[in-house]
Amino acid sequence: MKNSNRGSIRFITYTAMGLALVILAQWLGNLLPAGAVIVGPFAVKQLITGSLVNCILFVFTVVAGLGSAVTIGILSSILATVLGVGPQVIPIVPLIALGNAVLSVVFWLCSKKFSLHNAAGIAAAAVCKCAFLWLTVAPLLSSLASVPEKQAKALSIMFSWPQGLTAICGGLLALIILPRLKKLPGKQD
C-alpha cells in the first residue's frame, strides 16, 4: 500500500475515532442535570463536556496531527448544536468551530515549532481560544436581533472565561493521557 493511502486511512481512522469520543463526551454531558450551576450561566455540564472535548482536541493534535484535530474541532461544534448540547444560536457555531481550531493550531505551534513544553502550549492554547471566543461571540450576539438580551448575556458569559477554564482542565487531562499513549506497544509516530 502506498504511503499516501496509509496517510489517508490513518487520517480518516483517527478523525473518526476522535469524533466518536466527542459524541460520547457530549452525550455524557447531556446526562447531567441542566440546573447544576457553578457560577452564573456556567454549569457543571459545560465544565465536564467542554473539558472532555478540549482534552480530545489536545490529545488528537499530538496523536493524529493538526489536520485531524482541526477537523474534529470544527465538526464537534456542529455536532454539539445538532445533538442539542451546544447553544442553539446557529450564527455562533462557526465561531465555536474556529475557537476549537485556534486551540489545536496554537497547541501544535507551541509543541512543534517553538518546542515549548506541553503545559506551556496548553496554557497558550487555552488563553488564545478563550480570547478569540470572548472577543467574537459577545459582539456577534449583541448584533443579532433574534437573540433575546437575557440569552445573549448568558451566552456571552459562557463564551468568556469558562472557555479558558475548560481548556485548561482538558489540557490537564491530556497531560495525564499523553504519556500513557506513548508507552503503548507498537506505538509509532
N, C-alpha and C. Protein backbone atom coordinates (compact mmCIF):
# COMPACT_ATOMS: atom_id res chain seq x y z
N MET A 1 0.85 -1.18 0.00
CA MET A 1 0.00 0.00 0.00
C MET A 1 0.90 1.24 0.00
N LYS A 2 0.54 2.21 -0.80
CA LYS A 2 1.33 3.43 -0.88
C LYS A 2 1.22 4.23 0.41
N ASN A 3 2.27 5.02 0.68
CA ASN A 3 2.26 5.85 1.88
C ASN A 3 1.13 6.85 1.90
N SER A 4 0.75 7.39 0.72
CA SER A 4 -0.35 8.36 0.69
C SER A 4 -1.67 7.70 1.10
N ASN A 5 -1.85 6.43 0.69
CA ASN A 5 -3.06 5.71 1.10
C ASN A 5 -3.05 5.45 2.60
N ARG A 6 -1.88 5.06 3.12
CA ARG A 6 -1.77 4.83 4.57
C ARG A 6 -2.07 6.12 5.34
N GLY A 7 -1.52 7.23 4.83
CA GLY A 7 -1.76 8.52 5.49
C GLY A 7 -3.23 8.89 5.47
N SER A 8 -3.90 8.65 4.34
CA SER A 8 -5.33 8.96 4.24
C SER A 8 -6.15 8.06 5.16
N ILE A 9 -5.81 6.79 5.18
CA ILE A 9 -6.53 5.85 6.04
C ILE A 9 -6.32 6.21 7.51
N ARG A 10 -5.08 6.55 7.84
CA ARG A 10 -4.77 6.95 9.23
C ARG A 10 -5.55 8.20 9.62
N PHE A 11 -5.57 9.19 8.72
CA PHE A 11 -6.30 10.44 8.99
C PHE A 11 -7.79 10.16 9.22
N ILE A 12 -8.38 9.40 8.32
CA ILE A 12 -9.82 9.09 8.43
C ILE A 12 -10.11 8.30 9.70
N THR A 13 -9.27 7.31 9.99
CA THR A 13 -9.48 6.47 11.17
C THR A 13 -9.37 7.27 12.46
N TYR A 14 -8.28 8.05 12.59
CA TYR A 14 -8.10 8.85 13.80
C TYR A 14 -9.18 9.92 13.95
N THR A 15 -9.54 10.55 12.84
CA THR A 15 -10.56 11.59 12.89
C THR A 15 -11.91 10.99 13.30
N ALA A 16 -12.25 9.85 12.74
CA ALA A 16 -13.50 9.17 13.11
C ALA A 16 -13.49 8.77 14.58
N MET A 17 -12.34 8.28 15.05
CA MET A 17 -12.23 7.91 16.46
C MET A 17 -12.39 9.14 17.36
N GLY A 18 -11.76 10.24 16.98
CA GLY A 18 -11.89 11.48 17.75
C GLY A 18 -13.33 11.98 17.77
N LEU A 19 -14.00 11.93 16.62
CA LEU A 19 -15.40 12.35 16.57
C LEU A 19 -16.29 11.46 17.42
N ALA A 20 -16.01 10.15 17.41
CA ALA A 20 -16.78 9.24 18.26
C ALA A 20 -16.60 9.59 19.73
N LEU A 21 -15.37 9.92 20.12
CA LEU A 21 -15.12 10.32 21.51
C LEU A 21 -15.81 11.64 21.85
N VAL A 22 -15.83 12.58 20.90
CA VAL A 22 -16.52 13.85 21.12
C VAL A 22 -18.02 13.62 21.31
N ILE A 23 -18.59 12.77 20.46
CA ILE A 23 -20.02 12.45 20.60
C ILE A 23 -20.29 11.82 21.95
N LEU A 24 -19.42 10.92 22.39
CA LEU A 24 -19.56 10.29 23.70
C LEU A 24 -19.48 11.34 24.81
N ALA A 25 -18.52 12.25 24.72
CA ALA A 25 -18.37 13.31 25.73
C ALA A 25 -19.61 14.19 25.76
N GLN A 26 -20.13 14.54 24.59
CA GLN A 26 -21.31 15.40 24.54
C GLN A 26 -22.54 14.65 25.05
N TRP A 27 -22.63 13.38 24.76
CA TRP A 27 -23.75 12.57 25.26
C TRP A 27 -23.68 12.45 26.78
N LEU A 28 -22.47 12.19 27.30
CA LEU A 28 -22.31 12.11 28.76
C LEU A 28 -22.67 13.44 29.43
N GLY A 29 -22.23 14.54 28.82
CA GLY A 29 -22.57 15.85 29.35
C GLY A 29 -24.06 16.11 29.34
N ASN A 30 -24.74 15.57 28.35
CA ASN A 30 -26.18 15.74 28.24
C ASN A 30 -26.93 14.98 29.33
N LEU A 31 -26.30 13.99 29.93
CA LEU A 31 -26.93 13.23 31.02
C LEU A 31 -26.97 14.01 32.33
N LEU A 32 -26.12 15.04 32.43
CA LEU A 32 -26.07 15.83 33.65
C LEU A 32 -27.27 16.77 33.74
N PRO A 33 -27.74 17.02 34.95
CA PRO A 33 -28.87 17.94 35.09
C PRO A 33 -28.49 19.36 34.65
N ALA A 34 -29.36 19.99 33.91
CA ALA A 34 -29.09 21.33 33.38
C ALA A 34 -28.97 22.37 34.49
N GLY A 35 -29.58 22.15 35.62
CA GLY A 35 -29.59 23.14 36.69
C GLY A 35 -28.38 23.13 37.60
N ALA A 36 -27.43 22.23 37.38
CA ALA A 36 -26.25 22.15 38.24
C ALA A 36 -25.28 23.28 37.87
N VAL A 37 -25.52 24.45 38.46
CA VAL A 37 -24.79 25.66 38.10
C VAL A 37 -23.59 25.85 39.02
N ILE A 38 -22.47 26.29 38.43
CA ILE A 38 -21.28 26.61 39.22
C ILE A 38 -21.31 28.10 39.55
N VAL A 39 -21.30 28.94 38.51
CA VAL A 39 -21.36 30.39 38.68
C VAL A 39 -22.14 30.95 37.49
N GLY A 40 -23.14 31.77 37.75
CA GLY A 40 -23.91 32.38 36.67
C GLY A 40 -24.43 31.33 35.72
N PRO A 41 -24.21 31.51 34.41
CA PRO A 41 -24.67 30.50 33.46
C PRO A 41 -23.68 29.35 33.27
N PHE A 42 -22.51 29.42 33.94
CA PHE A 42 -21.51 28.37 33.82
C PHE A 42 -21.95 27.19 34.68
N ALA A 43 -22.23 26.07 34.02
CA ALA A 43 -22.79 24.90 34.71
C ALA A 43 -21.80 23.74 34.68
N VAL A 44 -22.08 22.76 35.55
CA VAL A 44 -21.28 21.55 35.61
C VAL A 44 -21.26 20.87 34.24
N LYS A 45 -22.38 20.91 33.55
CA LYS A 45 -22.50 20.32 32.22
C LYS A 45 -21.45 20.91 31.27
N GLN A 46 -21.30 22.23 31.26
CA GLN A 46 -20.31 22.88 30.39
C GLN A 46 -18.90 22.53 30.85
N LEU A 47 -18.67 22.49 32.15
CA LEU A 47 -17.34 22.16 32.67
C LEU A 47 -16.91 20.77 32.22
N ILE A 48 -17.79 19.80 32.37
CA ILE A 48 -17.42 18.42 32.03
C ILE A 48 -17.33 18.24 30.52
N THR A 49 -18.36 18.65 29.80
CA THR A 49 -18.36 18.46 28.35
C THR A 49 -17.23 19.25 27.70
N GLY A 50 -17.09 20.52 28.05
CA GLY A 50 -16.03 21.35 27.47
C GLY A 50 -14.65 20.81 27.78
N SER A 51 -14.43 20.37 29.01
CA SER A 51 -13.12 19.83 29.38
C SER A 51 -12.80 18.56 28.60
N LEU A 52 -13.79 17.68 28.45
CA LEU A 52 -13.56 16.44 27.70
C LEU A 52 -13.29 16.72 26.22
N VAL A 53 -14.07 17.62 25.63
CA VAL A 53 -13.86 17.95 24.21
C VAL A 53 -12.47 18.58 24.02
N ASN A 54 -12.09 19.51 24.89
CA ASN A 54 -10.76 20.12 24.78
C ASN A 54 -9.66 19.09 24.98
N CYS A 55 -9.85 18.16 25.90
CA CYS A 55 -8.88 17.08 26.11
C CYS A 55 -8.71 16.28 24.81
N ILE A 56 -9.81 15.94 24.19
CA ILE A 56 -9.76 15.20 22.93
C ILE A 56 -8.99 15.99 21.88
N LEU A 57 -9.24 17.29 21.81
CA LEU A 57 -8.53 18.14 20.83
C LEU A 57 -7.03 18.15 21.10
N PHE A 58 -6.64 18.29 22.36
CA PHE A 58 -5.21 18.28 22.70
C PHE A 58 -4.57 16.93 22.36
N VAL A 59 -5.21 15.84 22.77
CA VAL A 59 -4.66 14.51 22.54
C VAL A 59 -4.55 14.22 21.05
N PHE A 60 -5.58 14.54 20.30
CA PHE A 60 -5.56 14.22 18.87
C PHE A 60 -4.63 15.14 18.08
N THR A 61 -4.36 16.32 18.59
CA THR A 61 -3.35 17.17 17.95
C THR A 61 -2.00 16.47 17.99
N VAL A 62 -1.68 15.84 19.11
CA VAL A 62 -0.41 15.14 19.27
C VAL A 62 -0.43 13.79 18.55
N VAL A 63 -1.47 13.02 18.75
CA VAL A 63 -1.51 11.64 18.26
C VAL A 63 -1.83 11.55 16.77
N ALA A 64 -2.79 12.35 16.30
CA ALA A 64 -3.27 12.22 14.93
C ALA A 64 -2.80 13.34 14.01
N GLY A 65 -2.34 14.43 14.58
CA GLY A 65 -1.87 15.54 13.77
C GLY A 65 -2.85 16.71 13.74
N LEU A 66 -2.34 17.82 13.28
CA LEU A 66 -3.11 19.06 13.29
C LEU A 66 -4.37 18.98 12.43
N GLY A 67 -4.28 18.41 11.24
CA GLY A 67 -5.44 18.33 10.36
C GLY A 67 -6.59 17.57 10.98
N SER A 68 -6.29 16.46 11.60
CA SER A 68 -7.31 15.65 12.24
C SER A 68 -7.94 16.41 13.42
N ALA A 69 -7.10 17.03 14.24
CA ALA A 69 -7.61 17.76 15.41
C ALA A 69 -8.50 18.94 14.99
N VAL A 70 -8.09 19.67 13.96
CA VAL A 70 -8.89 20.81 13.49
C VAL A 70 -10.22 20.30 12.94
N THR A 71 -10.19 19.21 12.19
CA THR A 71 -11.43 18.62 11.66
C THR A 71 -12.35 18.21 12.80
N ILE A 72 -11.81 17.56 13.81
CA ILE A 72 -12.60 17.15 14.97
C ILE A 72 -13.18 18.38 15.66
N GLY A 73 -12.37 19.42 15.83
CA GLY A 73 -12.83 20.64 16.49
C GLY A 73 -13.95 21.33 15.75
N ILE A 74 -13.85 21.38 14.44
CA ILE A 74 -14.89 22.01 13.64
C ILE A 74 -16.17 21.19 13.68
N LEU A 75 -16.04 19.89 13.44
CA LEU A 75 -17.23 19.04 13.43
C LEU A 75 -17.87 18.91 14.81
N SER A 76 -17.06 19.00 15.87
CA SER A 76 -17.62 18.87 17.22
C SER A 76 -18.56 20.03 17.55
N SER A 77 -18.26 21.22 17.05
CA SER A 77 -19.15 22.35 17.31
C SER A 77 -20.48 22.18 16.58
N ILE A 78 -20.42 21.64 15.39
CA ILE A 78 -21.65 21.37 14.64
C ILE A 78 -22.44 20.26 15.33
N LEU A 79 -21.76 19.20 15.74
CA LEU A 79 -22.42 18.09 16.43
C LEU A 79 -23.07 18.56 17.74
N ALA A 80 -22.40 19.45 18.46
CA ALA A 80 -22.96 19.94 19.73
C ALA A 80 -24.30 20.61 19.49
N THR A 81 -24.41 21.37 18.43
CA THR A 81 -25.66 22.04 18.12
C THR A 81 -26.71 21.03 17.66
N VAL A 82 -26.32 20.11 16.81
CA VAL A 82 -27.26 19.09 16.30
C VAL A 82 -27.76 18.21 17.43
N LEU A 83 -26.88 17.83 18.34
CA LEU A 83 -27.27 16.96 19.46
C LEU A 83 -27.98 17.72 20.58
N GLY A 84 -28.04 19.04 20.47
CA GLY A 84 -28.72 19.83 21.49
C GLY A 84 -27.88 20.09 22.72
N VAL A 85 -26.58 19.80 22.65
CA VAL A 85 -25.69 20.02 23.78
C VAL A 85 -25.15 21.45 23.76
N GLY A 86 -24.89 21.95 22.57
CA GLY A 86 -24.35 23.30 22.41
C GLY A 86 -25.45 24.32 22.27
N PRO A 87 -25.06 25.56 22.19
CA PRO A 87 -26.05 26.63 22.04
C PRO A 87 -26.82 26.48 20.73
N GLN A 88 -28.09 26.78 20.77
CA GLN A 88 -28.94 26.64 19.60
C GLN A 88 -29.02 27.95 18.80
N VAL A 89 -28.00 28.78 18.93
CA VAL A 89 -27.90 30.02 18.17
C VAL A 89 -26.92 29.74 17.03
N ILE A 90 -27.46 29.42 15.88
CA ILE A 90 -26.68 28.94 14.74
C ILE A 90 -25.56 29.91 14.32
N PRO A 91 -25.75 31.23 14.33
CA PRO A 91 -24.68 32.12 13.86
C PRO A 91 -23.37 32.04 14.67
N ILE A 92 -23.41 31.53 15.91
CA ILE A 92 -22.16 31.45 16.68
C ILE A 92 -21.43 30.12 16.48
N VAL A 93 -22.07 29.17 15.82
CA VAL A 93 -21.43 27.86 15.61
C VAL A 93 -20.10 27.99 14.85
N PRO A 94 -20.01 28.80 13.78
CA PRO A 94 -18.71 28.94 13.12
C PRO A 94 -17.63 29.53 14.04
N LEU A 95 -18.03 30.41 14.95
CA LEU A 95 -17.06 30.98 15.88
C LEU A 95 -16.55 29.92 16.86
N ILE A 96 -17.46 29.06 17.30
CA ILE A 96 -17.07 27.97 18.20
C ILE A 96 -16.11 27.03 17.46
N ALA A 97 -16.44 26.73 16.20
CA ALA A 97 -15.57 25.88 15.39
C ALA A 97 -14.18 26.50 15.24
N LEU A 98 -14.14 27.80 14.96
CA LEU A 98 -12.86 28.49 14.84
C LEU A 98 -12.11 28.51 16.17
N GLY A 99 -12.83 28.67 17.27
CA GLY A 99 -12.21 28.64 18.60
C GLY A 99 -11.53 27.30 18.86
N ASN A 100 -12.20 26.21 18.47
CA ASN A 100 -11.59 24.88 18.61
C ASN A 100 -10.36 24.75 17.72
N ALA A 101 -10.45 25.29 16.51
CA ALA A 101 -9.31 25.25 15.60
C ALA A 101 -8.15 26.07 16.16
N VAL A 102 -8.45 27.22 16.74
CA VAL A 102 -7.40 28.06 17.36
C VAL A 102 -6.69 27.26 18.45
N LEU A 103 -7.45 26.56 19.28
CA LEU A 103 -6.86 25.76 20.36
C LEU A 103 -5.86 24.76 19.78
N SER A 104 -6.27 24.01 18.77
CA SER A 104 -5.40 22.99 18.19
C SER A 104 -4.19 23.60 17.49
N VAL A 105 -4.40 24.66 16.73
CA VAL A 105 -3.29 25.28 15.98
C VAL A 105 -2.25 25.87 16.93
N VAL A 106 -2.71 26.60 17.95
CA VAL A 106 -1.76 27.21 18.89
C VAL A 106 -1.00 26.13 19.66
N PHE A 107 -1.70 25.09 20.09
CA PHE A 107 -1.03 24.00 20.80
C PHE A 107 -0.01 23.32 19.89
N TRP A 108 -0.38 23.06 18.65
CA TRP A 108 0.53 22.44 17.69
C TRP A 108 1.75 23.32 17.44
N LEU A 109 1.51 24.61 17.23
CA LEU A 109 2.63 25.54 17.01
C LEU A 109 3.57 25.56 18.20
N CYS A 110 3.00 25.62 19.39
CA CYS A 110 3.84 25.65 20.59
C CYS A 110 4.64 24.36 20.75
N SER A 111 3.99 23.23 20.46
CA SER A 111 4.65 21.94 20.64
C SER A 111 5.67 21.65 19.54
N LYS A 112 5.32 21.92 18.30
CA LYS A 112 6.16 21.52 17.17
C LYS A 112 7.15 22.61 16.75
N LYS A 113 6.67 23.81 16.63
CA LYS A 113 7.50 24.88 16.06
C LYS A 113 8.36 25.59 17.10
N PHE A 114 7.80 25.78 18.30
CA PHE A 114 8.52 26.54 19.31
C PHE A 114 9.10 25.66 20.40
N SER A 115 8.88 24.35 20.30
CA SER A 115 9.41 23.36 21.25
C SER A 115 9.10 23.70 22.71
N LEU A 116 7.94 24.30 22.93
CA LEU A 116 7.53 24.57 24.31
C LEU A 116 7.04 23.28 24.94
N HIS A 117 7.22 23.17 26.22
CA HIS A 117 6.70 22.03 26.96
C HIS A 117 5.19 21.98 26.79
N ASN A 118 4.62 20.80 26.82
CA ASN A 118 3.17 20.66 26.61
C ASN A 118 2.34 21.55 27.53
N ALA A 119 2.76 21.71 28.78
CA ALA A 119 1.98 22.54 29.71
C ALA A 119 1.95 23.99 29.25
N ALA A 120 3.06 24.50 28.75
CA ALA A 120 3.09 25.87 28.25
C ALA A 120 2.25 26.00 26.99
N GLY A 121 2.31 25.01 26.13
CA GLY A 121 1.48 25.00 24.93
C GLY A 121 0.00 24.95 25.26
N ILE A 122 -0.35 24.18 26.27
CA ILE A 122 -1.74 24.09 26.70
C ILE A 122 -2.21 25.45 27.24
N ALA A 123 -1.39 26.07 28.06
CA ALA A 123 -1.76 27.39 28.61
C ALA A 123 -1.93 28.42 27.49
N ALA A 124 -1.00 28.44 26.54
CA ALA A 124 -1.09 29.39 25.43
C ALA A 124 -2.33 29.13 24.59
N ALA A 125 -2.61 27.86 24.31
CA ALA A 125 -3.78 27.50 23.52
C ALA A 125 -5.07 27.87 24.24
N ALA A 126 -5.12 27.63 25.54
CA ALA A 126 -6.31 27.96 26.32
C ALA A 126 -6.56 29.46 26.33
N VAL A 127 -5.51 30.24 26.51
CA VAL A 127 -5.65 31.70 26.51
C VAL A 127 -6.11 32.20 25.15
N CYS A 128 -5.53 31.67 24.09
CA CYS A 128 -5.90 32.12 22.74
C CYS A 128 -7.34 31.74 22.39
N LYS A 129 -7.75 30.52 22.72
CA LYS A 129 -9.14 30.12 22.44
C LYS A 129 -10.10 30.98 23.23
N CYS A 130 -9.82 31.17 24.51
CA CYS A 130 -10.67 31.98 25.37
C CYS A 130 -10.77 33.40 24.84
N ALA A 131 -9.64 34.00 24.51
CA ALA A 131 -9.62 35.37 24.00
C ALA A 131 -10.39 35.48 22.68
N PHE A 132 -10.17 34.52 21.78
CA PHE A 132 -10.87 34.55 20.50
C PHE A 132 -12.38 34.52 20.70
N LEU A 133 -12.86 33.57 21.52
CA LEU A 133 -14.31 33.46 21.72
C LEU A 133 -14.87 34.67 22.47
N TRP A 134 -14.12 35.16 23.45
CA TRP A 134 -14.56 36.30 24.24
C TRP A 134 -14.71 37.54 23.35
N LEU A 135 -13.79 37.70 22.41
CA LEU A 135 -13.79 38.88 21.55
C LEU A 135 -14.73 38.77 20.34
N THR A 136 -15.19 37.58 20.02
CA THR A 136 -16.04 37.43 18.83
C THR A 136 -17.49 37.10 19.13
N VAL A 137 -17.74 36.26 20.12
CA VAL A 137 -19.11 35.80 20.36
C VAL A 137 -20.00 36.93 20.90
N ALA A 138 -19.54 37.64 21.91
CA ALA A 138 -20.36 38.71 22.51
C ALA A 138 -20.76 39.78 21.48
N PRO A 139 -19.83 40.31 20.67
CA PRO A 139 -20.24 41.30 19.67
C PRO A 139 -21.24 40.74 18.65
N LEU A 140 -21.03 39.48 18.25
CA LEU A 140 -21.98 38.88 17.30
C LEU A 140 -23.36 38.76 17.93
N LEU A 141 -23.41 38.28 19.16
CA LEU A 141 -24.70 38.11 19.84
C LEU A 141 -25.41 39.45 20.02
N SER A 142 -24.66 40.49 20.34
CA SER A 142 -25.30 41.80 20.53
C SER A 142 -25.84 42.38 19.23
N SER A 143 -25.33 41.88 18.10
CA SER A 143 -25.82 42.38 16.80
C SER A 143 -27.01 41.58 16.27
N LEU A 144 -27.32 40.47 16.91
CA LEU A 144 -28.43 39.63 16.46
C LEU A 144 -29.72 40.03 17.15
N ALA A 145 -30.64 40.57 16.39
CA ALA A 145 -31.93 40.99 16.96
C ALA A 145 -32.78 39.78 17.36
N SER A 146 -32.51 38.62 16.77
CA SER A 146 -33.31 37.43 17.05
C SER A 146 -32.98 36.77 18.39
N VAL A 147 -31.89 37.19 19.02
CA VAL A 147 -31.49 36.60 20.30
C VAL A 147 -31.92 37.54 21.43
N PRO A 148 -32.79 37.05 22.34
CA PRO A 148 -33.20 37.89 23.46
C PRO A 148 -32.00 38.35 24.29
N GLU A 149 -32.10 39.53 24.86
CA GLU A 149 -30.98 40.14 25.59
C GLU A 149 -30.48 39.25 26.73
N LYS A 150 -31.41 38.64 27.47
CA LYS A 150 -31.02 37.79 28.60
C LYS A 150 -30.22 36.57 28.11
N GLN A 151 -30.66 35.96 27.01
CA GLN A 151 -29.96 34.81 26.44
C GLN A 151 -28.60 35.24 25.90
N ALA A 152 -28.54 36.39 25.24
CA ALA A 152 -27.27 36.89 24.70
C ALA A 152 -26.27 37.13 25.83
N LYS A 153 -26.74 37.66 26.94
CA LYS A 153 -25.85 37.93 28.08
C LYS A 153 -25.33 36.62 28.67
N ALA A 154 -26.20 35.63 28.82
CA ALA A 154 -25.78 34.33 29.37
C ALA A 154 -24.79 33.65 28.45
N LEU A 155 -25.06 33.67 27.15
CA LEU A 155 -24.14 33.04 26.19
C LEU A 155 -22.81 33.78 26.14
N SER A 156 -22.85 35.10 26.26
CA SER A 156 -21.61 35.88 26.26
C SER A 156 -20.72 35.48 27.43
N ILE A 157 -21.33 35.23 28.57
CA ILE A 157 -20.55 34.78 29.74
C ILE A 157 -20.02 33.37 29.51
N MET A 158 -20.87 32.49 28.96
CA MET A 158 -20.44 31.10 28.70
C MET A 158 -19.25 31.04 27.75
N PHE A 159 -19.16 32.02 26.85
CA PHE A 159 -18.06 32.03 25.89
C PHE A 159 -17.00 33.05 26.24
N SER A 160 -16.80 33.23 27.55
CA SER A 160 -15.73 34.09 28.03
C SER A 160 -14.80 33.24 28.89
N TRP A 161 -14.60 33.60 30.14
CA TRP A 161 -13.64 32.90 31.00
C TRP A 161 -13.89 31.40 31.15
N PRO A 162 -15.16 30.90 31.10
CA PRO A 162 -15.32 29.45 31.21
C PRO A 162 -14.61 28.67 30.09
N GLN A 163 -14.45 29.30 28.93
CA GLN A 163 -13.74 28.64 27.83
C GLN A 163 -12.27 28.41 28.20
N GLY A 164 -11.67 29.37 28.85
CA GLY A 164 -10.29 29.20 29.30
C GLY A 164 -10.18 28.12 30.36
N LEU A 165 -11.13 28.11 31.28
CA LEU A 165 -11.13 27.11 32.35
C LEU A 165 -11.30 25.70 31.79
N THR A 166 -12.26 25.51 30.87
CA THR A 166 -12.46 24.16 30.33
C THR A 166 -11.28 23.74 29.45
N ALA A 167 -10.63 24.69 28.80
CA ALA A 167 -9.44 24.35 28.01
C ALA A 167 -8.29 23.92 28.92
N ILE A 168 -8.10 24.62 30.02
CA ILE A 168 -7.06 24.23 30.98
C ILE A 168 -7.36 22.86 31.59
N CYS A 169 -8.61 22.64 31.98
CA CYS A 169 -8.99 21.33 32.54
C CYS A 169 -8.77 20.22 31.51
N GLY A 170 -9.17 20.48 30.27
CA GLY A 170 -8.95 19.49 29.21
C GLY A 170 -7.47 19.25 28.98
N GLY A 171 -6.67 20.31 29.07
CA GLY A 171 -5.23 20.18 28.91
C GLY A 171 -4.60 19.37 30.03
N LEU A 172 -5.08 19.57 31.25
CA LEU A 172 -4.56 18.78 32.38
C LEU A 172 -4.88 17.30 32.20
N LEU A 173 -6.09 17.01 31.73
CA LEU A 173 -6.44 15.61 31.43
C LEU A 173 -5.53 15.05 30.34
N ALA A 174 -5.27 15.86 29.31
CA ALA A 174 -4.39 15.43 28.22
C ALA A 174 -2.98 15.14 28.73
N LEU A 175 -2.51 15.95 29.68
CA LEU A 175 -1.17 15.72 30.24
C LEU A 175 -1.09 14.39 30.98
N ILE A 176 -2.21 13.92 31.47
CA ILE A 176 -2.25 12.60 32.13
C ILE A 176 -2.30 11.49 31.08
N ILE A 177 -3.03 11.72 30.00
CA ILE A 177 -3.26 10.70 28.98
C ILE A 177 -2.06 10.54 28.03
N LEU A 178 -1.50 11.64 27.57
CA LEU A 178 -0.47 11.58 26.52
C LEU A 178 0.75 10.72 26.87
N PRO A 179 1.32 10.82 28.07
CA PRO A 179 2.48 9.96 28.36
C PRO A 179 2.13 8.48 28.32
N ARG A 180 0.92 8.15 28.68
CA ARG A 180 0.49 6.75 28.66
C ARG A 180 0.33 6.24 27.22
N LEU A 181 -0.09 7.11 26.32
CA LEU A 181 -0.23 6.70 24.91
C LEU A 181 1.12 6.44 24.27
N LYS A 182 2.13 7.17 24.68
CA LYS A 182 3.47 6.97 24.12
C LYS A 182 4.07 5.64 24.54
N LYS A 183 3.57 5.06 25.63
CA LYS A 183 4.10 3.79 26.14
C LYS A 183 3.38 2.58 25.56
N LEU A 184 2.37 2.78 24.71
CA LEU A 184 1.63 1.66 24.14
C LEU A 184 2.53 0.83 23.23
N PRO A 185 2.39 -0.51 23.31
CA PRO A 185 3.19 -1.37 22.42
C PRO A 185 2.83 -1.08 20.95
N GLY A 186 3.84 -1.02 20.12
CA GLY A 186 3.60 -0.81 18.69
C GLY A 186 3.31 0.62 18.32
N LYS A 187 3.42 1.53 19.28
CA LYS A 187 3.15 2.96 19.01
C LYS A 187 4.23 3.49 18.08
N GLN A 188 3.78 4.04 16.94
CA GLN A 188 4.72 4.62 16.01
C GLN A 188 4.31 6.05 15.73
N ASP A 189 5.28 6.94 15.58
CA ASP A 189 5.00 8.32 15.22
C ASP A 189 5.20 8.56 13.76
